[in-house]
Amino acid sequence: MGVSSDTPSPPSALAPFNYPAFRAIWIANLASNMGSMIQSVGAAWLMTELTRSHLLIALVQVGATIPILLLGVFAGAIADNYDRRRVMLAAQTGMLIVSAILTVTTWMGAITPFLLLFFTLAVGCGTALNGPAWQASVRMQVGPKDLPQAIALNSIAFNLARSAGPALGGLLISITGPAPAFALNAISYLALIVVLLRWHPEVEPPKRTPMLASIATGLRFCYQSDPVRRILIRGFVFGTPAITFQALLPSLVRDRLHGTETIYGVCLAAFGIGSILAALFVGNLRRRWGSDRIVSASSLVYAAAMLPVALTQSLPIILAAAFVAGMAWVSTLTTLNVAMQLRSPEAILGRCMAIYQAVTFGAMALGAWLFGAIADLWTLSTAILAAAGWLTISAIIVPMLAPMPGRDEGRIMP
């Protein structure tokens, strides 16, 4: 059960696994994330075979994230007005159907760059609908004391998939082509759908309000809460340049390293392994140093990791840089996520998390488009160096203008 103690020692990082619902959903989500990463690798590499445009290749990342910006606040209102479990079921089922259609289209040889972007966008819409309900449901799975650890473990699940999924996806694509990778992703949704069908949490029926009024309530809270507003600013400022590494990595592997889809998968795996390591320790570091130092230092580390990516053609060096970048990526996003959840009222939690995701992932969509365009207009190195420069300058200036909230500032959870 949940950890409860009068001693000041911090709760165990693995304490959420004592909750059966969390444990089952975590395992199923790991399988689903694995499939999603395999499909992501397949889509990104398939685009390199369909076009030479750096912008179109980067737009694969845009397609995955822009729906979170455009639909996120609506998805948040849906999560707060309806049964969150049913919302997640609808989203997972929709993504399964889209992935199955993508599989058939690719297998028939009918896929084009714009069709691929359309399917990526459709899956992104499912992600946008699922995200706020998923984030808000974590409180339904664990006790309040274990919430930060549960968020960190969910990050580990994603990054375990990020570690193994890309390498497996690259190997699978090199042997069979992208269609089987897309099929495997479609199948992976089934595990989470089955677990959600069997999960029946005891929750109060949500009080429904008109959609626009519901959205306005969430927006008003996020605007009026100074701690929340600063978290959103930090998410936007980090997300815009940080996505450049992942968005342009397929082009980097193809054009600079002259590598294959397997090399691309290995680079993403290095990023994922770094992410897992950071997720295991970021909670302790956050308690020791505070959120503001973690976010600022991680931005500087991420910027430093991008320099060798821009300036070298050595695969070992790029793998090491990807590992470091993964650590900085998860340290920042996990810290922002925890800070947002702890400062959002339960009644509007879905809307608050949707607004956070819309701002942060919308910034990533903007950054993927912006730095993809810079790569087309100038060079890959110029785009990556520009993103590193943005991260460096923002890490120095933004903490003075929008510091992360203090430990108890604006905190709502006990």
Protein backbone atom coordinates (compact mmCIF):
# COMPACT_ATOMS: atom_id res chain seq x y z
CA MET A 1 0.00 0.00 0.00
CA GLY A 2 1.00 3.64 0.07
CA VAL A 3 4.02 4.64 2.07
CA SER A 4 3.09 6.44 5.29
CA SER A 5 5.62 7.49 7.88
CA ASP A 6 6.19 10.20 10.46
CA THR A 7 9.90 10.25 9.68
CA PRO A 8 11.28 12.87 7.30
CA SER A 9 12.79 10.25 4.99
CA PRO A 10 11.50 10.58 1.41
CA PRO A 11 9.09 7.96 0.02
CA SER A 12 10.51 5.11 -2.03
CA ALA A 13 10.81 5.74 -5.76
CA LEU A 14 9.07 2.38 -6.33
CA ALA A 15 6.24 2.89 -3.82
CA PRO A 16 3.55 3.42 -6.52
CA PHE A 17 4.01 -0.20 -7.62
CA ASN A 18 2.31 -1.20 -4.36
CA TYR A 19 -0.97 -0.02 -5.94
CA PRO A 20 -2.35 -2.82 -8.19
CA ALA A 21 -4.10 -0.41 -10.58
CA PHE A 22 -0.96 1.64 -11.10
CA ARG A 23 1.14 -1.48 -11.60
CA ALA A 24 -1.18 -2.97 -14.25
CA ILE A 25 -1.61 0.31 -16.11
CA TRP A 26 2.15 0.99 -15.98
CA ILE A 27 2.99 -2.37 -17.58
CA ALA A 28 0.33 -1.99 -20.27
CA ASN A 29 1.41 1.58 -20.93
CA LEU A 30 5.01 0.40 -21.34
CA ALA A 31 3.87 -2.01 -24.08
CA SER A 32 1.84 0.74 -25.77
CA ASN A 33 4.75 3.19 -25.57
CA MET A 34 7.04 0.58 -27.08
CA GLY A 35 4.73 0.23 -30.06
CA SER A 36 4.43 4.01 -30.40
CA MET A 37 8.21 4.44 -30.45
CA ILE A 38 8.56 1.73 -33.10
CA GLN A 39 5.94 3.50 -35.23
CA SER A 40 7.61 6.87 -34.63
CA VAL A 41 10.94 5.52 -35.90
CA GLY A 42 9.19 3.95 -38.87
CA ALA A 43 7.37 7.16 -39.81
CA ALA A 44 10.45 9.37 -39.42
CA TRP A 45 12.68 7.07 -41.45
CA LEU A 46 10.01 6.41 -44.09
CA MET A 47 9.81 10.17 -44.64
CA THR A 48 13.57 10.28 -45.35
CA GLU A 49 12.92 7.75 -48.13
CA LEU A 50 9.98 9.72 -49.54
CA THR A 51 11.58 13.19 -49.63
CA ARG A 52 14.89 15.07 -49.35
CA SER A 53 13.29 18.06 -47.56
CA HIS A 54 14.56 18.65 -44.00
CA LEU A 55 11.34 20.59 -43.32
CA LEU A 56 9.05 17.71 -44.31
CA ILE A 57 11.13 15.33 -42.21
CA ALA A 58 10.85 17.69 -39.22
CA LEU A 59 7.11 18.02 -39.87
CA VAL A 60 6.70 14.37 -38.81
CA GLN A 61 7.49 15.63 -35.30
CA VAL A 62 5.15 18.60 -35.82
CA GLY A 63 2.32 16.28 -36.84
CA ALA A 64 2.74 14.31 -33.63
CA THR A 65 2.67 17.39 -31.37
CA ILE A 66 0.62 20.17 -33.03
CA PRO A 67 -2.74 18.53 -32.15
CA ILE A 68 -1.80 18.88 -28.47
CA LEU A 69 -1.59 22.64 -29.03
CA LEU A 70 -4.75 22.92 -31.13
CA LEU A 71 -6.97 20.43 -29.29
CA GLY A 72 -5.40 20.25 -25.84
CA VAL A 73 -7.69 22.67 -23.98
CA PHE A 74 -10.76 20.94 -25.44
CA ALA A 75 -9.32 17.57 -24.42
CA GLY A 76 -8.76 18.91 -20.91
CA ALA A 77 -12.38 20.03 -20.64
CA ILE A 78 -13.48 16.60 -21.88
CA ALA A 79 -11.28 14.92 -19.24
CA ASP A 80 -12.90 16.98 -16.47
CA ASN A 81 -16.48 16.64 -17.76
CA TYR A 82 -16.50 12.90 -18.54
CA ASP A 83 -15.24 9.63 -17.10
CA ARG A 84 -11.46 9.84 -17.63
CA ARG A 85 -11.17 6.09 -18.06
CA ARG A 86 -13.70 6.15 -20.90
CA VAL A 87 -11.94 9.10 -22.51
CA MET A 88 -8.67 7.14 -22.51
CA LEU A 89 -10.43 4.10 -23.95
CA ALA A 90 -11.87 6.16 -26.79
CA ALA A 91 -8.47 7.71 -27.56
CA GLN A 92 -6.61 4.37 -27.50
CA THR A 93 -9.21 2.75 -29.74
CA GLY A 94 -9.03 5.61 -32.22
CA MET A 95 -5.24 5.41 -32.39
CA LEU A 96 -5.43 1.65 -32.93
CA ILE A 97 -7.76 2.17 -35.93
CA VAL A 98 -5.58 4.91 -37.46
CA SER A 99 -2.42 2.82 -37.04
CA ALA A 100 -4.13 -0.14 -38.69
CA ILE A 101 -5.14 1.99 -41.71
CA LEU A 102 -1.57 3.38 -41.92
CA THR A 103 -0.27 -0.21 -41.93
CA VAL A 104 -2.51 -1.22 -44.83
CA THR A 105 -1.75 1.94 -46.83
CA THR A 106 2.00 1.47 -46.43
CA TRP A 107 1.84 -2.25 -47.22
CA MET A 108 -0.05 -1.44 -50.46
CA GLY A 109 2.68 1.03 -51.48
CA ALA A 110 0.19 3.90 -51.58
CA ILE A 111 1.86 6.06 -48.92
CA THR A 112 3.04 9.58 -49.85
CA PRO A 113 4.74 12.30 -47.76
CA PHE A 114 1.46 14.13 -47.19
CA LEU A 115 -0.50 10.95 -46.45
CA LEU A 116 2.17 10.04 -43.91
CA LEU A 117 1.83 13.48 -42.32
CA PHE A 118 -1.96 13.05 -42.26
CA PHE A 119 -1.74 9.74 -40.42
CA THR A 120 0.85 11.16 -38.02
CA LEU A 121 -1.50 14.07 -37.38
CA ALA A 122 -4.42 11.69 -36.75
CA VAL A 123 -2.42 9.69 -34.20
CA GLY A 124 -1.40 13.02 -32.65
CA CYS A 125 -5.09 13.88 -32.23
CA GLY A 126 -5.55 10.66 -30.28
CA THR A 127 -2.54 11.56 -28.14
CA ALA A 128 -4.02 15.02 -27.52
CA LEU A 129 -7.32 13.52 -26.36
CA ASN A 130 -5.62 10.88 -24.22
CA GLY A 131 -3.02 13.12 -22.56
CA PRO A 132 -5.04 15.24 -20.09
CA ALA A 133 -7.21 12.27 -19.01
CA TRP A 134 -4.06 10.17 -18.58
CA GLN A 135 -2.22 12.83 -16.58
CA ALA A 136 -5.24 13.51 -14.37
CA SER A 137 -5.91 9.79 -13.78
CA VAL A 138 -2.59 9.27 -11.96
CA ARG A 139 -4.20 10.67 -8.80
CA MET A 140 -6.86 7.94 -9.14
CA GLN A 141 -4.16 5.27 -9.11
CA VAL A 142 -1.93 6.25 -6.14
CA GLY A 143 -2.06 8.18 -2.88
CA PRO A 144 -1.10 11.89 -2.73
CA LYS A 145 2.27 11.20 -1.11
CA ASP A 146 3.29 8.88 -3.94
CA LEU A 147 2.16 11.15 -6.79
CA PRO A 148 5.63 12.58 -7.66
CA GLN A 149 7.10 9.07 -7.66
CA ALA A 150 4.24 7.84 -9.88
CA ILE A 151 4.88 10.65 -12.37
CA ALA A 152 8.59 9.77 -12.41
CA LEU A 153 7.80 6.06 -12.95
CA ASN A 154 5.49 6.92 -15.85
CA SER A 155 8.38 8.88 -17.31
CA ILE A 156 10.61 5.83 -16.85
CA ALA A 157 8.05 3.67 -18.71
CA PHE A 158 8.08 6.07 -21.61
CA ASN A 159 11.85 6.20 -21.67
CA LEU A 160 12.28 2.46 -21.33
CA ALA A 161 10.24 2.32 -24.51
CA ARG A 162 12.34 5.13 -25.95
CA SER A 163 15.45 3.07 -25.24
CA ALA A 164 14.42 -0.32 -26.59
CA GLY A 165 11.74 0.75 -29.08
CA PRO A 166 13.89 2.73 -31.52
CA ALA A 167 16.62 0.10 -31.72
CA LEU A 168 14.02 -2.63 -32.20
CA GLY A 169 12.13 -0.48 -34.66
CA GLY A 170 15.24 0.31 -36.68
CA LEU A 171 16.17 -3.37 -36.83
CA LEU A 172 12.61 -4.37 -37.78
CA ILE A 173 12.38 -1.73 -40.50
CA SER A 174 15.76 -2.72 -41.96
CA ILE A 175 14.56 -6.34 -42.25
CA THR A 176 10.88 -6.02 -43.14
CA GLY A 177 10.18 -2.38 -44.04
CA PRO A 178 7.93 0.09 -42.17
CA ALA A 179 4.54 -1.64 -42.60
CA PRO A 180 5.18 -4.39 -39.98
CA ALA A 181 6.41 -1.73 -37.56
CA PHE A 182 3.12 0.14 -37.96
CA ALA A 183 1.21 -3.14 -37.50
CA LEU A 184 3.09 -3.91 -34.29
CA ASN A 185 2.11 -0.51 -32.92
CA ALA A 186 -1.56 -1.13 -33.73
CA ILE A 187 -1.41 -4.40 -31.78
CA SER A 188 0.34 -2.73 -28.83
CA TYR A 189 -2.70 -0.60 -28.06
CA LEU A 190 -4.66 -3.72 -27.16
CA ALA A 191 -2.86 -4.32 -23.83
CA LEU A 192 -3.76 -0.88 -22.47
CA ILE A 193 -7.32 -1.13 -23.80
CA VAL A 194 -7.82 -4.44 -21.97
CA VAL A 195 -6.42 -3.06 -18.68
CA LEU A 196 -8.59 0.06 -18.91
CA LEU A 197 -11.66 -2.10 -19.56
CA ARG A 198 -10.94 -4.04 -16.36
CA TRP A 199 -10.13 -0.97 -14.22
CA HIS A 200 -13.11 0.50 -12.36
CA PRO A 201 -11.89 3.21 -9.95
CA GLU A 202 -14.27 4.59 -7.34
CA VAL A 203 -14.62 8.25 -8.24
CA GLU A 204 -17.26 10.92 -7.93
CA PRO A 205 -19.19 11.45 -11.18
CA PRO A 206 -17.83 14.62 -12.79
CA LYS A 207 -19.96 17.74 -12.70
CA ARG A 208 -20.48 18.69 -16.30
CA THR A 209 -20.36 22.28 -17.44
CA PRO A 210 -20.67 23.77 -20.94
CA MET A 211 -17.52 23.18 -22.96
CA LEU A 212 -16.55 26.83 -23.54
CA ALA A 213 -17.29 27.79 -19.95
CA SER A 214 -15.25 24.81 -18.76
CA ILE A 215 -12.29 25.82 -20.93
CA ALA A 216 -12.56 29.43 -19.75
CA THR A 217 -12.38 28.29 -16.11
CA GLY A 218 -9.14 26.41 -16.74
CA LEU A 219 -7.60 29.25 -18.72
CA ARG A 220 -8.60 31.77 -16.05
CA PHE A 221 -6.98 29.73 -13.28
CA CYS A 222 -3.73 29.24 -15.21
CA TYR A 223 -3.58 32.94 -16.05
CA GLN A 224 -4.36 34.15 -12.55
CA SER A 225 -2.07 31.70 -10.73
CA ASP A 226 1.38 33.24 -10.76
CA PRO A 227 3.21 29.95 -9.94
CA VAL A 228 1.36 28.10 -12.73
CA ARG A 229 1.99 30.92 -15.19
CA ARG A 230 5.72 30.70 -14.54
CA ILE A 231 5.71 26.92 -15.04
CA LEU A 232 4.03 27.40 -18.41
CA ILE A 233 6.58 30.01 -19.45
CA ARG A 234 9.45 27.66 -18.59
CA GLY A 235 7.81 24.82 -20.54
CA PHE A 236 7.40 26.99 -23.64
CA VAL A 237 10.91 28.40 -23.50
CA PHE A 238 12.47 24.95 -23.13
CA GLY A 239 10.22 23.04 -25.55
CA THR A 240 10.74 25.31 -28.58
CA PRO A 241 14.50 24.73 -29.07
CA ALA A 242 14.86 21.38 -27.28
CA ILE A 243 12.79 19.44 -29.82
CA THR A 244 15.32 20.29 -32.55
CA PHE A 245 17.54 17.34 -31.63
CA GLN A 246 14.78 14.79 -32.11
CA ALA A 247 13.12 16.51 -35.07
CA LEU A 248 16.32 16.73 -37.12
CA LEU A 249 17.96 13.48 -35.99
CA PRO A 250 16.66 11.49 -39.02
CA SER A 251 18.21 14.07 -41.36
CA LEU A 252 21.40 14.08 -39.32
CA VAL A 253 21.78 10.29 -39.52
CA ARG A 254 20.98 10.20 -43.24
CA ASP A 255 22.98 13.21 -44.45
CA ARG A 256 25.85 13.62 -41.97
CA LEU A 257 26.47 10.08 -40.77
CA HIS A 258 25.27 8.35 -43.97
CA GLY A 259 23.66 5.85 -41.61
CA THR A 260 20.75 3.46 -41.81
CA GLU A 261 17.47 3.18 -39.94
CA THR A 262 19.29 0.95 -37.43
CA ILE A 263 21.79 3.73 -36.64
CA TYR A 264 18.86 6.13 -36.20
CA GLY A 265 17.25 3.70 -33.76
CA VAL A 266 20.48 3.31 -31.80
CA CYS A 267 20.82 7.11 -31.47
CA LEU A 268 17.28 7.34 -30.10
CA ALA A 269 18.03 4.42 -27.77
CA ALA A 270 21.00 6.31 -26.31
CA PHE A 271 18.69 9.28 -25.71
CA GLY A 272 16.21 6.97 -23.97
CA ILE A 273 18.80 5.31 -21.73
CA GLY A 274 19.91 8.73 -20.52
CA SER A 275 16.28 9.60 -19.87
CA ILE A 276 15.75 6.50 -17.72
CA LEU A 277 18.82 7.22 -15.61
CA ALA A 278 17.67 10.81 -15.01
CA ALA A 279 14.13 9.74 -14.12
CA LEU A 280 15.49 7.47 -11.37
CA PHE A 281 17.40 10.27 -9.63
CA VAL A 282 15.67 13.55 -10.55
CA GLY A 283 13.29 13.34 -7.57
CA ASN A 284 16.15 13.31 -5.07
CA LEU A 285 17.98 16.05 -6.97
CA ARG A 286 14.83 18.17 -7.04
CA ARG A 287 14.40 17.86 -3.27
CA ARG A 288 18.04 18.79 -2.72
CA TRP A 289 18.49 21.63 -5.23
CA GLY A 290 14.96 22.82 -5.99
CA SER A 291 13.01 22.90 -9.25
CA ASP A 292 14.47 26.15 -10.55
CA ARG A 293 18.07 24.94 -10.45
CA ILE A 294 17.12 21.61 -12.04
CA VAL A 295 15.31 23.24 -14.99
CA SER A 296 18.02 25.86 -15.55
CA ALA A 297 20.94 23.45 -15.24
CA SER A 298 19.23 20.87 -17.48
CA SER A 299 18.74 23.50 -20.20
CA LEU A 300 22.45 24.31 -20.13
CA VAL A 301 23.40 20.63 -20.21
CA TYR A 302 21.03 20.04 -23.14
CA ALA A 303 22.58 22.98 -25.02
CA ALA A 304 26.08 21.63 -24.37
CA ALA A 305 25.04 18.20 -25.66
CA MET A 306 23.82 19.72 -28.93
CA LEU A 307 27.20 21.27 -29.76
CA PRO A 308 29.00 18.02 -30.73
CA VAL A 309 25.87 16.94 -32.61
CA ALA A 310 26.19 20.06 -34.75
CA LEU A 311 29.96 19.97 -35.19
CA THR A 312 31.05 16.33 -35.53
CA GLN A 313 30.36 13.35 -37.74
CA SER A 314 31.57 10.80 -35.17
CA LEU A 315 28.88 8.29 -34.23
CA PRO A 316 30.32 7.49 -30.74
CA ILE A 317 30.41 11.19 -29.88
CA ILE A 318 26.84 11.70 -31.10
CA LEU A 319 25.69 8.67 -29.08
CA ALA A 320 27.30 10.14 -25.96
CA ALA A 321 25.66 13.50 -26.68
CA ALA A 322 22.28 11.81 -27.15
CA PHE A 323 22.68 10.07 -23.78
CA VAL A 324 23.39 13.38 -22.03
CA ALA A 325 20.57 15.15 -23.89
CA GLY A 326 18.14 12.43 -22.77
CA MET A 327 19.10 13.01 -19.14
CA ALA A 328 18.54 16.76 -19.45
CA TRP A 329 15.26 16.31 -21.38
CA VAL A 330 13.61 14.12 -18.73
CA SER A 331 15.00 16.12 -15.81
CA THR A 332 13.32 19.23 -17.19
CA LEU A 333 9.98 17.78 -18.31
CA THR A 334 9.47 15.61 -15.20
CA THR A 335 10.19 18.58 -12.96
CA LEU A 336 7.73 20.78 -14.88
CA ASN A 337 5.07 18.05 -14.85
CA VAL A 338 5.31 17.47 -11.09
CA ALA A 339 5.25 21.21 -10.41
CA MET A 340 2.10 21.61 -12.53
CA GLN A 341 0.23 18.67 -11.00
CA LEU A 342 0.93 19.79 -7.44
CA ARG A 343 -0.48 23.26 -8.16
CA SER A 344 -3.65 22.27 -10.01
CA PRO A 345 -7.02 21.78 -8.24
CA GLU A 346 -8.57 18.33 -8.67
CA ALA A 347 -11.80 19.74 -10.16
CA ILE A 348 -9.94 21.29 -13.09
CA LEU A 349 -6.85 19.07 -13.16
CA GLY A 350 -7.54 17.78 -16.67
CA ARG A 351 -7.83 21.31 -18.02
CA CYS A 352 -4.68 22.48 -16.23
CA MET A 353 -2.65 19.55 -17.54
CA ALA A 354 -4.09 20.10 -21.02
CA ILE A 355 -3.02 23.73 -20.97
CA TYR A 356 0.44 22.69 -19.77
CA GLN A 357 0.70 20.14 -22.58
CA ALA A 358 -0.67 22.60 -25.14
CA VAL A 359 1.95 25.18 -24.20
CA THR A 360 4.92 22.80 -23.90
CA PHE A 361 4.17 20.47 -26.82
CA GLY A 362 2.81 23.32 -28.92
CA ALA A 363 6.20 24.96 -28.41
CA MET A 364 7.83 21.75 -29.61
CA ALA A 365 5.69 21.77 -32.76
CA LEU A 366 6.67 25.38 -33.37
CA GLY A 367 10.33 24.58 -32.74
CA ALA A 368 10.34 21.57 -35.08
CA TRP A 369 8.88 23.69 -37.87
CA LEU A 370 11.13 26.70 -37.17
CA PHE A 371 14.44 24.85 -36.92
CA GLY A 372 13.47 22.50 -39.75
CA ALA A 373 12.98 25.57 -41.95
CA ILE A 374 16.35 26.96 -40.80
CA ALA A 375 17.99 23.66 -41.77
CA ASP A 376 16.46 23.89 -45.25
CA LEU A 377 17.42 27.55 -45.69
CA TRP A 378 20.96 27.16 -44.33
CA THR A 379 22.38 23.91 -42.90
CA LEU A 380 21.64 21.28 -40.28
CA SER A 381 24.54 22.55 -38.18
CA THR A 382 23.17 26.10 -38.26
CA ALA A 383 19.75 24.95 -37.05
CA ILE A 384 21.18 22.84 -34.20
CA LEU A 385 23.59 25.59 -33.09
CA ALA A 386 20.75 28.15 -33.15
CA ALA A 387 18.68 25.89 -30.89
CA ALA A 388 21.64 25.42 -28.52
CA GLY A 389 22.11 29.19 -28.40
CA TRP A 390 18.44 29.71 -27.54
CA LEU A 391 18.68 27.18 -24.70
CA THR A 392 21.83 28.79 -23.29
CA ILE A 393 20.50 32.35 -23.33
CA SER A 394 17.12 31.35 -21.91
CA ALA A 395 18.72 29.33 -19.10
CA ILE A 396 20.52 32.48 -17.96
CA ILE A 397 17.77 35.10 -18.46
CA VAL A 398 14.42 33.36 -17.92
CA PRO A 399 15.02 32.24 -14.28
CA MET A 400 15.29 35.91 -13.35
CA LEU A 401 11.99 36.75 -15.08
CA ALA A 402 9.99 33.57 -14.37
CA PRO A 403 11.57 31.50 -11.57
CA MET A 404 10.08 28.10 -10.88
CA PRO A 405 7.74 28.07 -7.83
CA GLY A 406 9.29 27.37 -4.44
CA ARG A 407 8.64 24.05 -2.70
CA ASP A 408 5.34 25.14 -1.08
CA GLU A 409 4.46 28.10 -3.29
CA GLY A 410 0.99 27.63 -4.75
CA ARG A 411 0.99 23.95 -3.77
CA ILE A 412 -2.49 22.41 -3.57
CA MET A 413 -1.76 18.73 -2.94
CA PRO A 414 -1.17 17.80 0.75
